[in-house]
Amino acid sequence: MRRLWKLARWSAFLFALAVDLALFYTSTPFTARSFFAAGLASLIMFIAFIELASLFRGGRRIRNFLERKEEKVHETGLHWVRLLRYIRDDKTSLSWIGIPVLIAMIVSVYEIAWLIWLGTSGVGSAATRSGSLGYVFSVLPDNAAVLGGFIPLIFAIPFAIFHVANWSSHRYVITPQRIIVHSGVFDYHMHGITLSRVVDVKQDYTWWQQLLNFGDVVFRETAGADETLDCVWGPKKFAKIATRYSHGSATQDGRDAETNEE
């Protein structure tokens, strides 16, 4: 499965590269038009593959893991901060994703600034030919070639797909009976935390984690063991719902015990 996953990521890269080369050489190579076409296509394909990678959430596996008449009450995943940490800890991915994305951000800022300048100064007026900004923006009158700065995003695709898919596949699901934890794309891990055994729910996060709406949720079970769900997106809501159903399970268990005694 790992080979299949690796093949899928690099096939996406080769496909994007082939499309980019085809557009570059069919749009009069090494002209503003060719850089514009290839750059815009690179940006679109990068975003498209990232969106596809984010769909790996194990929905079918989780549904198959549910017991009869068991339904999902709430679902969330890892916060995007964890995705950035995954990329940061992988030095190879950090270079192949970080540098192209940084270049793309610079190009985006430049193009936005050019559009603002163009709209406020007026095309063909004396203002467009004067001042430092006027000189910078008039070097390339249509600025189409600058979009070629998006082309390096092609080389970030296989690494971005890997990290985004693994990040997206990490899911936390609450049902009335338990919490289901799922992670992995092709090779995956899944286990459950029985809510009737949970006696306490604790949330751990700093002020900046609270600001970004993520943190750790710790479940203490009757056996005294702790189960920590880290970097939960929306920890307050998650803990609140889990607590509600854990208390409901405890109440129902008590009622069942009284019934059996009678």
C-alpha atoms as a PDB file:
ATOM      1  CA  MET A   1       0.000   0.000   0.000  1.00  0.00           C
ATOM      2  CA  ARG A   2       2.868   2.371   0.728  1.00  0.00           C
ATOM      3  CA  ARG A   3       4.200   1.832  -2.794  1.00  0.00           C
ATOM      4  CA  LEU A   4       0.747   2.510  -4.226  1.00  0.00           C
ATOM      5  CA  TRP A   5       0.486   5.721  -2.175  1.00  0.00           C
ATOM      6  CA  LYS A   6       3.941   6.834  -3.323  1.00  0.00           C
ATOM      7  CA  LEU A   7       3.074   6.010  -6.935  1.00  0.00           C
ATOM      8  CA  ALA A   8      -0.154   8.033  -6.711  1.00  0.00           C
ATOM      9  CA  ARG A   9       1.640  11.131  -5.385  1.00  0.00           C
ATOM     10  CA  TRP A  10       4.393  11.082  -7.978  1.00  0.00           C
ATOM     11  CA  SER A  11       1.920  10.311 -10.759  1.00  0.00           C
ATOM     12  CA  ALA A  12       0.101  13.506  -9.802  1.00  0.00           C
ATOM     13  CA  PHE A  13       3.397  15.381 -10.050  1.00  0.00           C
ATOM     14  CA  LEU A  14       4.238  13.919 -13.479  1.00  0.00           C
ATOM     15  CA  PHE A  15       0.739  14.712 -14.747  1.00  0.00           C
ATOM     16  CA  ALA A  16       0.984  18.324 -13.573  1.00  0.00           C
ATOM     17  CA  LEU A  17       4.481  18.666 -15.043  1.00  0.00           C
ATOM     18  CA  ALA A  18       3.334  17.292 -18.414  1.00  0.00           C
ATOM     19  CA  VAL A  19       0.388  19.713 -18.529  1.00  0.00           C
ATOM     20  CA  ASP A  20       2.653  22.611 -17.607  1.00  0.00           C
ATOM     21  CA  LEU A  21       5.230  21.754 -20.279  1.00  0.00           C
ATOM     22  CA  ALA A  22       2.529  21.332 -22.901  1.00  0.00           C
ATOM     23  CA  LEU A  23       1.063  24.751 -22.112  1.00  0.00           C
ATOM     24  CA  PHE A  24       4.495  26.365 -21.998  1.00  0.00           C
ATOM     25  CA  TYR A  25       5.562  25.109 -25.424  1.00  0.00           C
ATOM     26  CA  THR A  26       2.213  25.611 -27.143  1.00  0.00           C
ATOM     27  CA  SER A  27       2.016  29.249 -25.995  1.00  0.00           C
ATOM     28  CA  THR A  28       5.155  30.481 -27.784  1.00  0.00           C
ATOM     29  CA  PRO A  29       7.947  29.337 -25.411  1.00  0.00           C
ATOM     30  CA  PHE A  30       9.801  31.862 -23.229  1.00  0.00           C
ATOM     31  CA  THR A  31       7.350  34.668 -23.849  1.00  0.00           C
ATOM     32  CA  ALA A  32       5.128  36.460 -21.372  1.00  0.00           C
ATOM     33  CA  ARG A  33       2.207  34.409 -22.641  1.00  0.00           C
ATOM     34  CA  SER A  34       3.954  31.073 -22.005  1.00  0.00           C
ATOM     35  CA  PHE A  35       4.979  32.037 -18.469  1.00  0.00           C
ATOM     36  CA  PHE A  36       1.469  33.293 -17.788  1.00  0.00           C
ATOM     37  CA  ALA A  37      -0.178  30.074 -19.015  1.00  0.00           C
ATOM     38  CA  ALA A  38       2.242  27.727 -17.249  1.00  0.00           C
ATOM     39  CA  GLY A  39       2.218  29.723 -14.026  1.00  0.00           C
ATOM     40  CA  LEU A  40      -1.560  29.984 -13.824  1.00  0.00           C
ATOM     41  CA  ALA A  41      -1.928  26.273 -14.598  1.00  0.00           C
ATOM     42  CA  SER A  42       0.611  25.426 -11.875  1.00  0.00           C
ATOM     43  CA  LEU A  43      -1.340  27.397  -9.299  1.00  0.00           C
ATOM     44  CA  ILE A  44      -4.661  25.825 -10.297  1.00  0.00           C
ATOM     45  CA  MET A  45      -3.282  22.268 -10.282  1.00  0.00           C
ATOM     46  CA  PHE A  46      -1.513  22.799  -6.943  1.00  0.00           C
ATOM     47  CA  ILE A  47      -4.742  23.980  -5.315  1.00  0.00           C
ATOM     48  CA  ALA A  48      -6.753  21.193  -6.999  1.00  0.00           C
ATOM     49  CA  PHE A  49      -4.443  18.421  -5.787  1.00  0.00           C
ATOM     50  CA  ILE A  50      -4.391  19.901  -2.281  1.00  0.00           C
ATOM     51  CA  GLU A  51      -8.200  19.877  -2.268  1.00  0.00           C
ATOM     52  CA  LEU A  52      -8.242  16.255  -3.447  1.00  0.00           C
ATOM     53  CA  ALA A  53      -5.726  15.261  -0.764  1.00  0.00           C
ATOM     54  CA  SER A  54      -7.900  16.879   1.906  1.00  0.00           C
ATOM     55  CA  LEU A  55     -10.743  14.478   1.007  1.00  0.00           C
ATOM     56  CA  PHE A  56      -8.907  11.467   2.508  1.00  0.00           C
ATOM     57  CA  ARG A  57     -10.971  11.361   5.719  1.00  0.00           C
ATOM     58  CA  GLY A  58     -11.757   7.665   6.007  1.00  0.00           C
ATOM     59  CA  GLY A  59     -15.501   8.245   5.839  1.00  0.00           C
ATOM     60  CA  ARG A  60     -16.347   4.762   4.576  1.00  0.00           C
ATOM     61  CA  ARG A  61     -14.038   3.060   7.092  1.00  0.00           C
ATOM     62  CA  ILE A  62     -15.596   4.993   9.964  1.00  0.00           C
ATOM     63  CA  ARG A  63     -19.106   4.103   8.784  1.00  0.00           C
ATOM     64  CA  ASN A  64     -18.132   0.423   8.595  1.00  0.00           C
ATOM     65  CA  PHE A  65     -16.671   0.668  12.107  1.00  0.00           C
ATOM     66  CA  LEU A  66     -19.978   1.863  13.541  1.00  0.00           C
ATOM     67  CA  GLU A  67     -22.208  -0.638  15.296  1.00  0.00           C
ATOM     68  CA  ARG A  68     -25.776  -1.226  14.214  1.00  0.00           C
ATOM     69  CA  LYS A  69     -27.921   1.891  14.797  1.00  0.00           C
ATOM     70  CA  GLU A  70     -24.833   3.801  15.965  1.00  0.00           C
ATOM     71  CA  GLU A  71     -24.674   7.270  14.413  1.00  0.00           C
ATOM     72  CA  LYS A  72     -22.122  10.062  14.315  1.00  0.00           C
ATOM     73  CA  VAL A  73     -22.968  12.986  16.557  1.00  0.00           C
ATOM     74  CA  HIS A  74     -19.942  15.189  15.967  1.00  0.00           C
ATOM     75  CA  GLU A  75     -16.750  14.980  13.912  1.00  0.00           C
ATOM     76  CA  THR A  76     -13.603  17.074  13.794  1.00  0.00           C
ATOM     77  CA  GLY A  77      -9.928  16.632  13.019  1.00  0.00           C
ATOM     78  CA  LEU A  78      -6.459  17.991  13.594  1.00  0.00           C
ATOM     79  CA  HIS A  79      -5.993  21.743  13.432  1.00  0.00           C
ATOM     80  CA  TRP A  80      -4.019  23.167  10.472  1.00  0.00           C
ATOM     81  CA  VAL A  81      -1.247  24.116  12.919  1.00  0.00           C
ATOM     82  CA  ARG A  82      -0.428  20.405  13.165  1.00  0.00           C
ATOM     83  CA  LEU A  83      -0.108  20.249   9.364  1.00  0.00           C
ATOM     84  CA  LEU A  84       2.476  23.040   9.491  1.00  0.00           C
ATOM     85  CA  ARG A  85       4.340  21.146  12.206  1.00  0.00           C
ATOM     86  CA  TYR A  86       4.376  17.976  10.114  1.00  0.00           C
ATOM     87  CA  ILE A  87       5.930  19.899   7.225  1.00  0.00           C
ATOM     88  CA  ARG A  88       8.396  21.701   9.505  1.00  0.00           C
ATOM     89  CA  ASP A  89       9.630  18.432  11.024  1.00  0.00           C
ATOM     90  CA  ASP A  90      10.241  16.924   7.567  1.00  0.00           C
ATOM     91  CA  LYS A  91      13.308  18.800   6.299  1.00  0.00           C
ATOM     92  CA  THR A  92      12.930  17.568   2.720  1.00  0.00           C
ATOM     93  CA  SER A  93       9.273  18.572   2.511  1.00  0.00           C
ATOM     94  CA  LEU A  94      10.018  21.877   4.222  1.00  0.00           C
ATOM     95  CA  SER A  95      12.378  22.824   1.391  1.00  0.00           C
ATOM     96  CA  TRP A  96      10.271  21.495  -1.487  1.00  0.00           C
ATOM     97  CA  ILE A  97       7.053  23.019  -0.156  1.00  0.00           C
ATOM     98  CA  GLY A  98       8.350  26.077   1.682  1.00  0.00           C
ATOM     99  CA  ILE A  99      10.437  27.639  -1.095  1.00  0.00           C
ATOM    100  CA  PRO A 100       7.793  27.329  -3.887  1.00  0.00           C
ATOM    101  CA  VAL A 101       5.045  28.568  -1.560  1.00  0.00           C
ATOM    102  CA  LEU A 102       7.206  31.514  -0.462  1.00  0.00           C
ATOM    103  CA  ILE A 103       7.861  32.455  -4.097  1.00  0.00           C
ATOM    104  CA  ALA A 104       4.139  32.106  -4.852  1.00  0.00           C
ATOM    105  CA  MET A 105       3.289  34.416  -1.944  1.00  0.00           C
ATOM    106  CA  ILE A 106       5.747  37.045  -3.191  1.00  0.00           C
ATOM    107  CA  VAL A 107       4.250  36.821  -6.688  1.00  0.00           C
ATOM    108  CA  SER A 108       0.734  37.127  -5.258  1.00  0.00           C
ATOM    109  CA  VAL A 109       1.639  40.212  -3.230  1.00  0.00           C
ATOM    110  CA  TYR A 110       3.312  41.758  -6.273  1.00  0.00           C
ATOM    111  CA  GLU A 111       0.304  41.134  -8.517  1.00  0.00           C
ATOM    112  CA  ILE A 112      -2.142  42.478  -5.937  1.00  0.00           C
ATOM    113  CA  ALA A 113       0.012  45.580  -5.453  1.00  0.00           C
ATOM    114  CA  TRP A 114       0.201  46.040  -9.237  1.00  0.00           C
ATOM    115  CA  LEU A 115      -3.585  45.800  -9.582  1.00  0.00           C
ATOM    116  CA  ILE A 116      -4.099  48.323  -6.780  1.00  0.00           C
ATOM    117  CA  TRP A 117      -1.526  50.690  -8.299  1.00  0.00           C
ATOM    118  CA  LEU A 118      -3.079  50.269 -11.735  1.00  0.00           C
ATOM    119  CA  GLY A 119      -6.527  51.051 -10.418  1.00  0.00           C
ATOM    120  CA  THR A 120      -5.487  54.111  -8.415  1.00  0.00           C
ATOM    121  CA  SER A 121      -2.980  55.687 -10.833  1.00  0.00           C
ATOM    122  CA  GLY A 122      -4.788  55.211 -14.126  1.00  0.00           C
ATOM    123  CA  VAL A 123      -3.484  53.534 -17.270  1.00  0.00           C
ATOM    124  CA  GLY A 124      -1.476  55.790 -19.553  1.00  0.00           C
ATOM    125  CA  SER A 125      -1.416  58.773 -17.208  1.00  0.00           C
ATOM    126  CA  ALA A 126       1.714  60.602 -16.173  1.00  0.00           C
ATOM    127  CA  ALA A 127       1.468  58.984 -12.732  1.00  0.00           C
ATOM    128  CA  THR A 128       2.095  55.549 -14.234  1.00  0.00           C
ATOM    129  CA  ARG A 129       5.457  56.701 -15.586  1.00  0.00           C
ATOM    130  CA  SER A 130       6.704  58.512 -12.484  1.00  0.00           C
ATOM    131  CA  GLY A 131       7.877  57.420  -9.055  1.00  0.00           C
ATOM    132  CA  SER A 132       9.656  54.277  -7.915  1.00  0.00           C
ATOM    133  CA  LEU A 133       6.513  52.122  -8.025  1.00  0.00           C
ATOM    134  CA  GLY A 134       5.711  53.374 -11.483  1.00  0.00           C
ATOM    135  CA  TYR A 135       9.158  52.320 -12.677  1.00  0.00           C
ATOM    136  CA  VAL A 136       8.902  48.849 -11.100  1.00  0.00           C
ATOM    137  CA  PHE A 137       5.446  48.118 -12.463  1.00  0.00           C
ATOM    138  CA  SER A 138       6.147  49.545 -15.920  1.00  0.00           C
ATOM    139  CA  VAL A 139       9.138  47.234 -16.527  1.00  0.00           C
ATOM    140  CA  LEU A 140       6.615  44.548 -17.515  1.00  0.00           C
ATOM    141  CA  PRO A 141       3.571  46.490 -18.779  1.00  0.00           C
ATOM    142  CA  ASP A 142       1.106  43.577 -18.505  1.00  0.00           C
ATOM    143  CA  ASN A 143       3.025  41.724 -15.765  1.00  0.00           C
ATOM    144  CA  ALA A 144       1.900  38.411 -17.264  1.00  0.00           C
ATOM    145  CA  ALA A 145       5.368  36.878 -17.086  1.00  0.00           C
ATOM    146  CA  VAL A 146       5.484  37.401 -13.313  1.00  0.00           C
ATOM    147  CA  LEU A 147       2.909  34.612 -12.939  1.00  0.00           C
ATOM    148  CA  GLY A 148       5.698  32.263 -13.974  1.00  0.00           C
ATOM    149  CA  GLY A 149       6.684  32.465 -10.315  1.00  0.00           C
ATOM    150  CA  PHE A 150       3.877  29.969  -9.639  1.00  0.00           C
ATOM    151  CA  ILE A 151       5.595  27.282 -11.730  1.00  0.00           C
ATOM    152  CA  PRO A 152       7.744  25.943  -8.818  1.00  0.00           C
ATOM    153  CA  LEU A 153       4.501  24.917  -7.089  1.00  0.00           C
ATOM    154  CA  ILE A 154       4.504  21.906  -9.417  1.00  0.00           C
ATOM    155  CA  PHE A 155       7.495  20.482  -7.550  1.00  0.00           C
ATOM    156  CA  ALA A 156       5.729  20.906  -4.197  1.00  0.00           C
ATOM    157  CA  ILE A 157       2.736  18.775  -5.246  1.00  0.00           C
ATOM    158  CA  PRO A 158       3.939  15.244  -4.239  1.00  0.00           C
ATOM    159  CA  PHE A 159       5.160  16.432  -0.837  1.00  0.00           C
ATOM    160  CA  ALA A 160       2.085  18.581  -0.155  1.00  0.00           C
ATOM    161  CA  ILE A 161      -0.264  15.727  -1.104  1.00  0.00           C
ATOM    162  CA  PHE A 162       1.497  13.404   1.350  1.00  0.00           C
ATOM    163  CA  HIS A 163       1.241  15.727   4.330  1.00  0.00           C
ATOM    164  CA  VAL A 164      -2.232  17.112   3.599  1.00  0.00           C
ATOM    165  CA  ALA A 165      -3.711  13.624   3.131  1.00  0.00           C
ATOM    166  CA  ASN A 166      -2.172  12.286   6.359  1.00  0.00           C
ATOM    167  CA  TRP A 167      -3.289  15.389   8.249  1.00  0.00           C
ATOM    168  CA  SER A 168      -6.818  15.263   6.833  1.00  0.00           C
ATOM    169  CA  SER A 169      -7.199  11.530   7.543  1.00  0.00           C
ATOM    170  CA  HIS A 170      -6.773  12.060  11.294  1.00  0.00           C
ATOM    171  CA  ARG A 171     -10.398  12.247  12.473  1.00  0.00           C
ATOM    172  CA  TYR A 172     -12.093  12.402  15.862  1.00  0.00           C
ATOM    173  CA  VAL A 173     -15.700  11.167  15.795  1.00  0.00           C
ATOM    174  CA  ILE A 174     -18.224  11.188  18.654  1.00  0.00           C
ATOM    175  CA  THR A 175     -21.167   8.772  18.750  1.00  0.00           C
ATOM    176  CA  PRO A 176     -23.598   8.310  21.672  1.00  0.00           C
ATOM    177  CA  GLN A 177     -21.542   5.273  22.793  1.00  0.00           C
ATOM    178  CA  ARG A 178     -17.893   6.139  22.096  1.00  0.00           C
ATOM    179  CA  ILE A 179     -15.230   8.284  20.510  1.00  0.00           C
ATOM    180  CA  ILE A 180     -13.648   6.906  17.342  1.00  0.00           C
ATOM    181  CA  VAL A 181     -10.116   7.926  16.382  1.00  0.00           C
ATOM    182  CA  HIS A 182      -9.061   7.334  12.769  1.00  0.00           C
ATOM    183  CA  SER A 183      -5.736   8.058  11.070  1.00  0.00           C
ATOM    184  CA  GLY A 184      -3.940   6.928   7.910  1.00  0.00           C
ATOM    185  CA  VAL A 185      -4.598   6.952   4.183  1.00  0.00           C
ATOM    186  CA  PHE A 186      -4.026   3.422   2.829  1.00  0.00           C
ATOM    187  CA  ASP A 187      -2.443   1.874   5.925  1.00  0.00           C
ATOM    188  CA  TYR A 188      -4.655   3.132   8.731  1.00  0.00           C
ATOM    189  CA  HIS A 189      -5.287   2.873  12.469  1.00  0.00           C
ATOM    190  CA  MET A 190      -8.655   3.114  14.179  1.00  0.00           C
ATOM    191  CA  HIS A 191      -9.752   2.619  17.764  1.00  0.00           C
ATOM    192  CA  GLY A 192     -12.566   3.654  20.079  1.00  0.00           C
ATOM    193  CA  ILE A 193     -12.911   5.174  23.553  1.00  0.00           C
ATOM    194  CA  THR A 194     -16.029   3.929  25.359  1.00  0.00           C
ATOM    195  CA  LEU A 195     -17.830   6.933  26.797  1.00  0.00           C
ATOM    196  CA  SER A 196     -19.447   4.956  29.634  1.00  0.00           C
ATOM    197  CA  ARG A 197     -15.941   4.441  31.068  1.00  0.00           C
ATOM    198  CA  VAL A 198     -15.041   8.137  30.966  1.00  0.00           C
ATOM    199  CA  VAL A 199     -15.204   9.798  34.392  1.00  0.00           C
ATOM    200  CA  ASP A 200     -13.545  13.129  33.591  1.00  0.00           C
ATOM    201  CA  VAL A 201     -12.761  15.284  30.564  1.00  0.00           C
ATOM    202  CA  LYS A 202      -9.967  17.839  30.736  1.00  0.00           C
ATOM    203  CA  GLN A 203      -8.879  20.427  28.174  1.00  0.00           C
ATOM    204  CA  ASP A 204      -5.305  21.674  27.855  1.00  0.00           C
ATOM    205  CA  TYR A 205      -4.394  24.700  25.751  1.00  0.00           C
ATOM    206  CA  THR A 206      -2.478  27.953  25.958  1.00  0.00           C
ATOM    207  CA  TRP A 207      -3.944  31.396  25.278  1.00  0.00           C
ATOM    208  CA  TRP A 208      -2.752  31.405  21.656  1.00  0.00           C
ATOM    209  CA  GLN A 209      -4.152  27.899  21.096  1.00  0.00           C
ATOM    210  CA  GLN A 210      -7.456  29.156  22.485  1.00  0.00           C
ATOM    211  CA  LEU A 211      -7.252  32.081  20.083  1.00  0.00           C
ATOM    212  CA  LEU A 212      -6.793  29.693  17.136  1.00  0.00           C
ATOM    213  CA  ASN A 213      -9.439  27.300  18.490  1.00  0.00           C
ATOM    214  CA  PHE A 214      -7.401  24.126  19.071  1.00  0.00           C
ATOM    215  CA  GLY A 215      -5.950  22.186  21.971  1.00  0.00           C
ATOM    216  CA  ASP A 216      -5.608  18.783  23.678  1.00  0.00           C
ATOM    217  CA  VAL A 217      -8.568  16.959  25.183  1.00  0.00           C
ATOM    218  CA  VAL A 218      -7.761  14.406  27.910  1.00  0.00           C
ATOM    219  CA  PHE A 219     -10.225  11.652  28.868  1.00  0.00           C
ATOM    220  CA  ARG A 220      -9.793   9.915  32.227  1.00  0.00           C
ATOM    221  CA  GLU A 221     -11.325   6.450  32.327  1.00  0.00           C
ATOM    222  CA  THR A 222     -12.630   4.421  35.273  1.00  0.00           C
ATOM    223  CA  ALA A 223      -9.464   2.304  35.253  1.00  0.00           C
ATOM    224  CA  GLY A 224      -7.431   5.458  35.925  1.00  0.00           C
ATOM    225  CA  ALA A 225      -5.821   5.580  32.483  1.00  0.00           C
ATOM    226  CA  ASP A 226      -5.723   8.781  30.461  1.00  0.00           C
ATOM    227  CA  GLU A 227      -6.471   8.983  26.732  1.00  0.00           C
ATOM    228  CA  THR A 228      -5.218  12.183  25.108  1.00  0.00           C
ATOM    229  CA  LEU A 229      -6.530  13.498  21.801  1.00  0.00           C
ATOM    230  CA  ASP A 230      -4.012  16.075  20.666  1.00  0.00           C
ATOM    231  CA  CYS A 231      -4.463  19.204  18.582  1.00  0.00           C
ATOM    232  CA  VAL A 232      -8.252  18.865  18.383  1.00  0.00           C
ATOM    233  CA  TRP A 233      -9.887  21.479  16.164  1.00  0.00           C
ATOM    234  CA  GLY A 234     -12.624  23.023  18.306  1.00  0.00           C
ATOM    235  CA  PRO A 235     -11.721  21.379  21.657  1.00  0.00           C
ATOM    236  CA  LYS A 236     -14.373  23.161  23.741  1.00  0.00           C
ATOM    237  CA  LYS A 237     -17.267  21.949  21.618  1.00  0.00           C
ATOM    238  CA  PHE A 238     -15.744  18.476  21.296  1.00  0.00           C
ATOM    239  CA  ALA A 239     -15.245  18.130  25.066  1.00  0.00           C
ATOM    240  CA  LYS A 240     -18.729  19.485  25.789  1.00  0.00           C
ATOM    241  CA  ILE A 241     -20.449  16.979  23.497  1.00  0.00           C
ATOM    242  CA  ALA A 242     -18.292  14.081  24.744  1.00  0.00           C
ATOM    243  CA  THR A 243     -19.065  15.000  28.366  1.00  0.00           C
ATOM    244  CA  ARG A 244     -22.782  15.177  27.647  1.00  0.00           C
ATOM    245  CA  TYR A 245     -22.859  11.669  26.194  1.00  0.00           C
ATOM    246  CA  SER A 246     -20.501  10.209  28.795  1.00  0.00           C
ATOM    247  CA  HIS A 247     -22.845  11.438  31.546  1.00  0.00           C
ATOM    248  CA  GLY A 248     -25.801  10.139  29.598  1.00  0.00           C
ATOM    249  CA  SER A 249     -24.125   6.737  29.319  1.00  0.00           C
ATOM    250  CA  ALA A 250     -23.430   6.695  33.045  1.00  0.00           C
ATOM    251  CA  THR A 251     -27.061   7.556  33.814  1.00  0.00           C
ATOM    252  CA  GLN A 252     -28.326   4.867  31.470  1.00  0.00           C
ATOM    253  CA  ASP A 253     -25.954   2.278  32.987  1.00  0.00           C
ATOM    254  CA  GLY A 254     -27.267   3.161  36.442  1.00  0.00           C
ATOM    255  CA  ARG A 255     -30.840   2.725  35.293  1.00  0.00           C
ATOM    256  CA  ASP A 256     -30.012  -0.636  33.715  1.00  0.00           C
ATOM    257  CA  ALA A 257     -28.332  -1.777  36.959  1.00  0.00           C
ATOM    258  CA  GLU A 258     -31.397  -0.806  39.021  1.00  0.00           C
ATOM    259  CA  THR A 259     -33.660  -2.644  36.612  1.00  0.00           C
ATOM    260  CA  ASN A 260     -31.552  -5.814  36.855  1.00  0.00           C
ATOM    261  CA  GLU A 261     -31.610  -5.668  40.672  1.00  0.00           C
ATOM    262  CA  GLU A 262     -35.386  -5.472  40.659  1.00  0.00           C
END
